[in-house]
Amino acid sequence: MMPRQPYAPTPHSYVPNTTLSATINLDEEVKLADTRAERDLQESLAEIFSIIVTIDELEKAFLKDAIPEADYTEICERSLKQYKSLVADETVAKAFVGLEEFKAEWELEVPRATERIRVGMPSTILTAASGPAPTPAPGGGAGGTLILDATENFITFLDALKLGYMAKDALHPLLTDVIQSVNKVTDRDFENRGKIVQWLITLNQMKATEELTEEQARELELDINSAYQGFKRTLS
């Protein structure tokens, strides 16, 4: 009987490359980055990947009524803020390039997340709140307070335009306040409410410091003023 070999036999034609084998240490940790900056960049891109996938799954769950509206809104808003914060960094933005390029590079199929990121807001904010509009109580009350808040937000936004505010990072938060406060007052799709939503999307797609043209600013002022008049008519 032939003595048992301590390893599996190999074809006679195979000659191990001892030089290559000697250069590889299987116990050594493989470094994906050589510097702290490279490591931070990789971590940021990994976070963006995770956020995109999370938003897509969140949208699916919301469409199936598998998550309460309040939880959906909170998670979606937080995820969108994290996404915007990450891609606002110059180094990350350069490596990220853009959402479509990033999706192509990593073979991501996330249509719902793509739309939500394009819009920049949870669907619960863009659509009017369900249920009847609150009725103002005598002498004020919750309903009267909500109406006052919405009115003040309209006026604040229009005043900002009159004062020459043109940058996305100045106008987008103010217009977000408008739509959020309006939704707390009425579920009616009043005249030109859709203009608010369209301008929110337009502003969201701009870079943080990018500014509207004078023509765009005039059009925006007219549209939001018309929406304000439409909102007031729902209260009469």
C-alpha atoms as a PDB file:
ATOM      1  CA  MET A   1       0.000   0.000   0.000  1.00  0.00           C
ATOM      2  CA  MET A   2       1.307   3.449  -0.938  1.00  0.00           C
ATOM      3  CA  PRO A   3       1.853   5.869   1.939  1.00  0.00           C
ATOM      4  CA  ARG A   4      -0.968   8.443   2.341  1.00  0.00           C
ATOM      5  CA  GLN A   5       0.000  11.858   0.971  1.00  0.00           C
ATOM      6  CA  PRO A   6      -0.403  14.812   3.345  1.00  0.00           C
ATOM      7  CA  TYR A   7      -2.000  16.925   0.590  1.00  0.00           C
ATOM      8  CA  ALA A   8      -4.141  16.407  -2.487  1.00  0.00           C
ATOM      9  CA  PRO A   9      -2.161  15.417  -5.578  1.00  0.00           C
ATOM     10  CA  THR A  10      -1.785  18.034  -8.281  1.00  0.00           C
ATOM     11  CA  PRO A  11      -1.439  17.572 -12.046  1.00  0.00           C
ATOM     12  CA  HIS A  12       2.141  16.970 -13.099  1.00  0.00           C
ATOM     13  CA  SER A  13       1.918  19.946 -15.447  1.00  0.00           C
ATOM     14  CA  TYR A  14       1.221  22.382 -12.590  1.00  0.00           C
ATOM     15  CA  VAL A  15       4.249  24.097 -11.125  1.00  0.00           C
ATOM     16  CA  PRO A  16       3.480  26.303  -8.090  1.00  0.00           C
ATOM     17  CA  ASN A  17       4.655  29.898  -8.315  1.00  0.00           C
ATOM     18  CA  THR A  18       6.577  30.052  -5.075  1.00  0.00           C
ATOM     19  CA  THR A  19       7.666  33.629  -5.747  1.00  0.00           C
ATOM     20  CA  LEU A  20       4.049  34.867  -5.922  1.00  0.00           C
ATOM     21  CA  SER A  21       2.991  32.794  -2.945  1.00  0.00           C
ATOM     22  CA  ALA A  22       5.749  34.246  -0.842  1.00  0.00           C
ATOM     23  CA  THR A  23       4.554  37.817  -1.465  1.00  0.00           C
ATOM     24  CA  ILE A  24       1.016  37.222  -0.153  1.00  0.00           C
ATOM     25  CA  ASN A  25       0.317  37.151   3.561  1.00  0.00           C
ATOM     26  CA  LEU A  26      -3.181  35.792   4.108  1.00  0.00           C
ATOM     27  CA  ASP A  27      -3.148  37.009   7.703  1.00  0.00           C
ATOM     28  CA  GLU A  28      -2.486  40.606   6.702  1.00  0.00           C
ATOM     29  CA  GLU A  29      -5.430  43.028   6.629  1.00  0.00           C
ATOM     30  CA  VAL A  30      -6.085  44.479   3.177  1.00  0.00           C
ATOM     31  CA  LYS A  31      -6.212  48.269   3.284  1.00  0.00           C
ATOM     32  CA  LEU A  32      -8.809  49.931   1.081  1.00  0.00           C
ATOM     33  CA  ALA A  33      -7.293  53.348   1.725  1.00  0.00           C
ATOM     34  CA  ASP A  34      -3.786  54.542   2.461  1.00  0.00           C
ATOM     35  CA  THR A  35      -4.658  57.844   4.119  1.00  0.00           C
ATOM     36  CA  ARG A  36      -7.245  59.184   6.541  1.00  0.00           C
ATOM     37  CA  ALA A  37      -8.738  61.344   3.778  1.00  0.00           C
ATOM     38  CA  GLU A  38      -9.182  58.340   1.475  1.00  0.00           C
ATOM     39  CA  ARG A  39     -10.755  56.338   4.297  1.00  0.00           C
ATOM     40  CA  ASP A  40     -13.180  59.147   5.108  1.00  0.00           C
ATOM     41  CA  LEU A  41     -14.150  59.409   1.450  1.00  0.00           C
ATOM     42  CA  GLN A  42     -14.833  55.681   1.194  1.00  0.00           C
ATOM     43  CA  GLU A  43     -16.941  55.807   4.355  1.00  0.00           C
ATOM     44  CA  SER A  44     -18.945  58.746   3.009  1.00  0.00           C
ATOM     45  CA  LEU A  45     -19.640  56.966  -0.291  1.00  0.00           C
ATOM     46  CA  ALA A  46     -20.654  53.846   1.616  1.00  0.00           C
ATOM     47  CA  GLU A  47     -23.064  55.941   3.709  1.00  0.00           C
ATOM     48  CA  ILE A  48     -24.583  57.427   0.550  1.00  0.00           C
ATOM     49  CA  PHE A  49     -25.084  53.925  -0.847  1.00  0.00           C
ATOM     50  CA  SER A  50     -26.794  52.847   2.373  1.00  0.00           C
ATOM     51  CA  ILE A  51     -29.026  55.934   2.473  1.00  0.00           C
ATOM     52  CA  ILE A  52     -30.202  55.440  -1.121  1.00  0.00           C
ATOM     53  CA  VAL A  53     -31.104  51.810  -0.478  1.00  0.00           C
ATOM     54  CA  THR A  54     -32.838  52.759   2.782  1.00  0.00           C
ATOM     55  CA  ILE A  55     -34.974  55.417   1.099  1.00  0.00           C
ATOM     56  CA  ASP A  56     -35.998  52.989  -1.636  1.00  0.00           C
ATOM     57  CA  GLU A  57     -37.071  50.361   0.907  1.00  0.00           C
ATOM     58  CA  LEU A  58     -38.826  53.032   2.963  1.00  0.00           C
ATOM     59  CA  GLU A  59     -40.860  54.145  -0.052  1.00  0.00           C
ATOM     60  CA  LYS A  60     -41.881  50.542  -0.752  1.00  0.00           C
ATOM     61  CA  ALA A  61     -42.969  50.061   2.857  1.00  0.00           C
ATOM     62  CA  PHE A  62     -44.986  53.292   2.843  1.00  0.00           C
ATOM     63  CA  LEU A  63     -46.783  52.361  -0.384  1.00  0.00           C
ATOM     64  CA  LYS A  64     -47.771  49.049   1.214  1.00  0.00           C
ATOM     65  CA  ASP A  65     -49.009  50.796   4.379  1.00  0.00           C
ATOM     66  CA  ALA A  66     -46.391  48.848   6.312  1.00  0.00           C
ATOM     67  CA  ILE A  67     -45.166  51.933   8.181  1.00  0.00           C
ATOM     68  CA  PRO A  68     -47.113  54.758   9.896  1.00  0.00           C
ATOM     69  CA  GLU A  69     -47.096  58.152   8.183  1.00  0.00           C
ATOM     70  CA  ALA A  70     -45.345  59.858  11.084  1.00  0.00           C
ATOM     71  CA  ASP A  71     -42.524  57.294  11.137  1.00  0.00           C
ATOM     72  CA  TYR A  72     -42.170  57.431   7.361  1.00  0.00           C
ATOM     73  CA  THR A  73     -41.948  61.213   7.378  1.00  0.00           C
ATOM     74  CA  GLU A  74     -39.380  61.324  10.180  1.00  0.00           C
ATOM     75  CA  ILE A  75     -37.100  58.655   8.672  1.00  0.00           C
ATOM     76  CA  CYS A  76     -37.405  60.049   5.151  1.00  0.00           C
ATOM     77  CA  GLU A  77     -36.621  63.628   6.223  1.00  0.00           C
ATOM     78  CA  ARG A  78     -33.620  62.484   8.250  1.00  0.00           C
ATOM     79  CA  SER A  79     -32.296  60.329   5.397  1.00  0.00           C
ATOM     80  CA  LEU A  80     -32.673  63.126   2.854  1.00  0.00           C
ATOM     81  CA  LYS A  81     -30.868  65.578   5.143  1.00  0.00           C
ATOM     82  CA  GLN A  82     -27.997  63.119   5.594  1.00  0.00           C
ATOM     83  CA  TYR A  83     -27.811  62.559   1.839  1.00  0.00           C
ATOM     84  CA  LYS A  84     -27.740  66.304   1.101  1.00  0.00           C
ATOM     85  CA  SER A  85     -25.123  66.903   3.769  1.00  0.00           C
ATOM     86  CA  LEU A  86     -22.819  64.215   2.384  1.00  0.00           C
ATOM     87  CA  VAL A  87     -23.026  65.241  -1.273  1.00  0.00           C
ATOM     88  CA  ALA A  88     -22.528  68.898  -0.312  1.00  0.00           C
ATOM     89  CA  ASP A  89     -18.912  68.124   0.578  1.00  0.00           C
ATOM     90  CA  GLU A  90     -16.648  69.053  -2.363  1.00  0.00           C
ATOM     91  CA  THR A  91     -14.435  65.965  -2.129  1.00  0.00           C
ATOM     92  CA  VAL A  92     -17.390  63.608  -1.841  1.00  0.00           C
ATOM     93  CA  ALA A  93     -19.276  65.397  -4.629  1.00  0.00           C
ATOM     94  CA  LYS A  94     -16.308  64.992  -6.976  1.00  0.00           C
ATOM     95  CA  ALA A  95     -16.129  61.229  -6.376  1.00  0.00           C
ATOM     96  CA  PHE A  96     -19.926  60.865  -6.305  1.00  0.00           C
ATOM     97  CA  VAL A  97     -20.368  62.806  -9.593  1.00  0.00           C
ATOM     98  CA  GLY A  98     -24.157  62.517  -9.587  1.00  0.00           C
ATOM     99  CA  LEU A  99     -26.981  60.195  -8.576  1.00  0.00           C
ATOM    100  CA  GLU A 100     -27.334  58.611 -12.011  1.00  0.00           C
ATOM    101  CA  GLU A 101     -23.579  58.073 -12.331  1.00  0.00           C
ATOM    102  CA  PHE A 102     -23.389  56.600  -8.830  1.00  0.00           C
ATOM    103  CA  LYS A 103     -26.282  54.239  -9.544  1.00  0.00           C
ATOM    104  CA  ALA A 104     -24.659  53.086 -12.776  1.00  0.00           C
ATOM    105  CA  GLU A 105     -21.299  52.481 -11.109  1.00  0.00           C
ATOM    106  CA  TRP A 106     -22.803  50.329  -8.356  1.00  0.00           C
ATOM    107  CA  GLU A 107     -25.626  48.830 -10.463  1.00  0.00           C
ATOM    108  CA  LEU A 108     -28.351  50.224  -8.238  1.00  0.00           C
ATOM    109  CA  GLU A 109     -31.981  49.816  -9.299  1.00  0.00           C
ATOM    110  CA  VAL A 110     -33.763  52.226  -6.978  1.00  0.00           C
ATOM    111  CA  PRO A 111     -36.506  54.096  -8.897  1.00  0.00           C
ATOM    112  CA  ARG A 112     -38.449  55.119  -5.793  1.00  0.00           C
ATOM    113  CA  ALA A 113     -35.396  56.515  -4.046  1.00  0.00           C
ATOM    114  CA  THR A 114     -34.397  58.317  -7.241  1.00  0.00           C
ATOM    115  CA  GLU A 115     -37.720  60.131  -7.380  1.00  0.00           C
ATOM    116  CA  ARG A 116     -37.730  60.948  -3.671  1.00  0.00           C
ATOM    117  CA  ILE A 117     -34.210  62.389  -3.841  1.00  0.00           C
ATOM    118  CA  ARG A 118     -35.153  64.361  -6.977  1.00  0.00           C
ATOM    119  CA  VAL A 119     -38.126  65.879  -5.142  1.00  0.00           C
ATOM    120  CA  GLY A 120     -36.160  66.317  -1.926  1.00  0.00           C
ATOM    121  CA  MET A 121     -39.109  65.874   0.436  1.00  0.00           C
ATOM    122  CA  PRO A 122     -41.256  63.055   1.833  1.00  0.00           C
ATOM    123  CA  SER A 123     -44.447  62.434  -0.101  1.00  0.00           C
ATOM    124  CA  THR A 124     -46.442  63.205   3.053  1.00  0.00           C
ATOM    125  CA  ILE A 125     -45.217  66.796   2.937  1.00  0.00           C
ATOM    126  CA  LEU A 126     -45.929  67.316  -0.748  1.00  0.00           C
ATOM    127  CA  THR A 127     -49.501  66.072  -0.427  1.00  0.00           C
ATOM    128  CA  ALA A 128     -52.149  67.685   1.722  1.00  0.00           C
ATOM    129  CA  ALA A 129     -52.796  66.117   5.099  1.00  0.00           C
ATOM    130  CA  SER A 130     -55.695  63.685   5.270  1.00  0.00           C
ATOM    131  CA  GLY A 131     -58.750  64.557   7.294  1.00  0.00           C
ATOM    132  CA  PRO A 132     -60.853  67.726   7.589  1.00  0.00           C
ATOM    133  CA  ALA A 133     -59.294  71.108   7.907  1.00  0.00           C
ATOM    134  CA  PRO A 134     -59.143  72.399  11.488  1.00  0.00           C
ATOM    135  CA  THR A 135     -61.864  74.828  12.445  1.00  0.00           C
ATOM    136  CA  PRO A 136     -60.723  78.019  14.138  1.00  0.00           C
ATOM    137  CA  ALA A 137     -61.963  78.136  17.709  1.00  0.00           C
ATOM    138  CA  PRO A 138     -63.613  81.288  19.073  1.00  0.00           C
ATOM    139  CA  GLY A 139     -60.941  83.694  20.198  1.00  0.00           C
ATOM    140  CA  GLY A 140     -58.155  81.725  18.525  1.00  0.00           C
ATOM    141  CA  GLY A 141     -57.335  78.132  19.440  1.00  0.00           C
ATOM    142  CA  ALA A 142     -55.416  75.439  17.597  1.00  0.00           C
ATOM    143  CA  GLY A 143     -57.081  76.012  14.220  1.00  0.00           C
ATOM    144  CA  GLY A 144     -56.552  79.762  14.344  1.00  0.00           C
ATOM    145  CA  THR A 145     -52.914  79.285  15.313  1.00  0.00           C
ATOM    146  CA  LEU A 146     -52.249  76.983  12.364  1.00  0.00           C
ATOM    147  CA  ILE A 147     -53.841  79.456   9.954  1.00  0.00           C
ATOM    148  CA  LEU A 148     -51.775  82.275  11.425  1.00  0.00           C
ATOM    149  CA  ASP A 149     -48.578  80.220  11.070  1.00  0.00           C
ATOM    150  CA  ALA A 150     -49.322  79.447   7.421  1.00  0.00           C
ATOM    151  CA  THR A 151     -50.130  83.080   6.674  1.00  0.00           C
ATOM    152  CA  GLU A 152     -46.918  84.271   8.316  1.00  0.00           C
ATOM    153  CA  ASN A 153     -44.863  81.731   6.360  1.00  0.00           C
ATOM    154  CA  PHE A 154     -46.347  82.925   3.059  1.00  0.00           C
ATOM    155  CA  ILE A 155     -45.578  86.547   3.957  1.00  0.00           C
ATOM    156  CA  THR A 156     -42.050  85.701   5.150  1.00  0.00           C
ATOM    157  CA  PHE A 157     -41.265  83.936   1.885  1.00  0.00           C
ATOM    158  CA  LEU A 158     -42.639  86.727  -0.291  1.00  0.00           C
ATOM    159  CA  ASP A 159     -40.763  89.323   1.783  1.00  0.00           C
ATOM    160  CA  ALA A 160     -37.530  87.365   1.281  1.00  0.00           C
ATOM    161  CA  LEU A 161     -37.979  87.576  -2.485  1.00  0.00           C
ATOM    162  CA  LYS A 162     -38.672  91.311  -2.278  1.00  0.00           C
ATOM    163  CA  LEU A 163     -35.488  91.743  -0.247  1.00  0.00           C
ATOM    164  CA  GLY A 164     -33.501  90.107  -3.008  1.00  0.00           C
ATOM    165  CA  TYR A 165     -32.977  86.604  -1.651  1.00  0.00           C
ATOM    166  CA  MET A 166     -32.193  84.471  -4.714  1.00  0.00           C
ATOM    167  CA  ALA A 167     -30.079  81.523  -3.487  1.00  0.00           C
ATOM    168  CA  LYS A 168     -31.439  78.022  -3.097  1.00  0.00           C
ATOM    169  CA  ASP A 169     -30.131  77.622   0.455  1.00  0.00           C
ATOM    170  CA  ALA A 170     -32.075  80.721   1.535  1.00  0.00           C
ATOM    171  CA  LEU A 171     -35.356  80.101  -0.297  1.00  0.00           C
ATOM    172  CA  HIS A 172     -35.825  76.334  -0.074  1.00  0.00           C
ATOM    173  CA  PRO A 173     -36.212  76.166   3.748  1.00  0.00           C
ATOM    174  CA  LEU A 174     -38.685  79.069   3.717  1.00  0.00           C
ATOM    175  CA  LEU A 175     -40.810  77.477   1.001  1.00  0.00           C
ATOM    176  CA  THR A 176     -40.699  74.167   2.868  1.00  0.00           C
ATOM    177  CA  ASP A 177     -42.173  75.964   5.877  1.00  0.00           C
ATOM    178  CA  VAL A 178     -44.965  77.256   3.638  1.00  0.00           C
ATOM    179  CA  ILE A 179     -46.064  73.849   2.333  1.00  0.00           C
ATOM    180  CA  GLN A 180     -45.767  72.194   5.738  1.00  0.00           C
ATOM    181  CA  SER A 181     -47.869  74.836   7.476  1.00  0.00           C
ATOM    182  CA  VAL A 182     -50.450  74.873   4.683  1.00  0.00           C
ATOM    183  CA  ASN A 183     -50.883  71.100   4.909  1.00  0.00           C
ATOM    184  CA  LYS A 184     -51.721  71.421   8.607  1.00  0.00           C
ATOM    185  CA  VAL A 185     -54.542  73.795   7.778  1.00  0.00           C
ATOM    186  CA  THR A 186     -56.338  72.246   4.808  1.00  0.00           C
ATOM    187  CA  ASP A 187     -56.539  69.068   2.743  1.00  0.00           C
ATOM    188  CA  ARG A 188     -58.135  70.925  -0.154  1.00  0.00           C
ATOM    189  CA  ASP A 189     -56.137  71.195  -3.373  1.00  0.00           C
ATOM    190  CA  PHE A 190     -56.565  74.946  -3.682  1.00  0.00           C
ATOM    191  CA  GLU A 191     -55.671  77.016  -6.732  1.00  0.00           C
ATOM    192  CA  ASN A 192     -51.938  77.116  -7.508  1.00  0.00           C
ATOM    193  CA  ARG A 193     -51.001  74.835  -4.611  1.00  0.00           C
ATOM    194  CA  GLY A 194     -49.202  72.734  -7.224  1.00  0.00           C
ATOM    195  CA  LYS A 195     -46.986  75.741  -8.004  1.00  0.00           C
ATOM    196  CA  ILE A 196     -45.543  75.553  -4.496  1.00  0.00           C
ATOM    197  CA  VAL A 197     -44.635  71.909  -5.027  1.00  0.00           C
ATOM    198  CA  GLN A 198     -43.090  72.540  -8.448  1.00  0.00           C
ATOM    199  CA  TRP A 199     -40.913  75.344  -7.115  1.00  0.00           C
ATOM    200  CA  LEU A 200     -39.811  73.170  -4.211  1.00  0.00           C
ATOM    201  CA  ILE A 201     -38.645  70.557  -6.710  1.00  0.00           C
ATOM    202  CA  THR A 202     -36.931  73.205  -8.855  1.00  0.00           C
ATOM    203  CA  LEU A 203     -35.081  74.654  -5.872  1.00  0.00           C
ATOM    204  CA  ASN A 204     -34.134  71.207  -4.580  1.00  0.00           C
ATOM    205  CA  GLN A 205     -32.377  70.384  -7.851  1.00  0.00           C
ATOM    206  CA  MET A 206     -30.226  73.514  -7.639  1.00  0.00           C
ATOM    207  CA  LYS A 207     -26.846  73.609  -5.907  1.00  0.00           C
ATOM    208  CA  ALA A 208     -26.871  75.120  -2.411  1.00  0.00           C
ATOM    209  CA  THR A 209     -25.372  78.465  -3.424  1.00  0.00           C
ATOM    210  CA  GLU A 210     -26.922  78.573  -6.889  1.00  0.00           C
ATOM    211  CA  GLU A 211     -29.230  81.535  -7.451  1.00  0.00           C
ATOM    212  CA  LEU A 212     -32.395  82.107  -9.414  1.00  0.00           C
ATOM    213  CA  THR A 213     -32.315  84.426 -12.366  1.00  0.00           C
ATOM    214  CA  GLU A 214     -34.254  87.666 -12.069  1.00  0.00           C
ATOM    215  CA  GLU A 215     -36.880  86.258 -14.426  1.00  0.00           C
ATOM    216  CA  GLN A 216     -37.238  83.119 -12.317  1.00  0.00           C
ATOM    217  CA  ALA A 217     -37.512  85.197  -9.141  1.00  0.00           C
ATOM    218  CA  ARG A 218     -40.325  87.299 -10.634  1.00  0.00           C
ATOM    219  CA  GLU A 219     -42.141  84.173 -11.789  1.00  0.00           C
ATOM    220  CA  LEU A 220     -41.691  82.565  -8.380  1.00  0.00           C
ATOM    221  CA  GLU A 221     -43.085  85.625  -6.618  1.00  0.00           C
ATOM    222  CA  LEU A 222     -46.150  85.668  -8.867  1.00  0.00           C
ATOM    223  CA  ASP A 223     -46.779  81.940  -8.437  1.00  0.00           C
ATOM    224  CA  ILE A 224     -46.457  81.947  -4.645  1.00  0.00           C
ATOM    225  CA  ASN A 225     -48.557  85.091  -4.325  1.00  0.00           C
ATOM    226  CA  SER A 226     -51.249  83.390  -6.446  1.00  0.00           C
ATOM    227  CA  ALA A 227     -51.011  80.304  -4.245  1.00  0.00           C
ATOM    228  CA  TYR A 228     -51.378  82.535  -1.172  1.00  0.00           C
ATOM    229  CA  GLN A 229     -54.571  84.040  -2.594  1.00  0.00           C
ATOM    230  CA  GLY A 230     -55.858  80.545  -3.385  1.00  0.00           C
ATOM    231  CA  PHE A 231     -55.079  79.440   0.162  1.00  0.00           C
ATOM    232  CA  LYS A 232     -56.961  82.407   1.645  1.00  0.00           C
ATOM    233  CA  ARG A 233     -60.018  81.594  -0.483  1.00  0.00           C
ATOM    234  CA  THR A 234     -60.199  78.123   1.099  1.00  0.00           C
ATOM    235  CA  LEU A 235     -60.647  79.773   4.474  1.00  0.00           C
ATOM    236  CA  SER A 236     -63.640  81.891   3.520  1.00  0.00           C
END
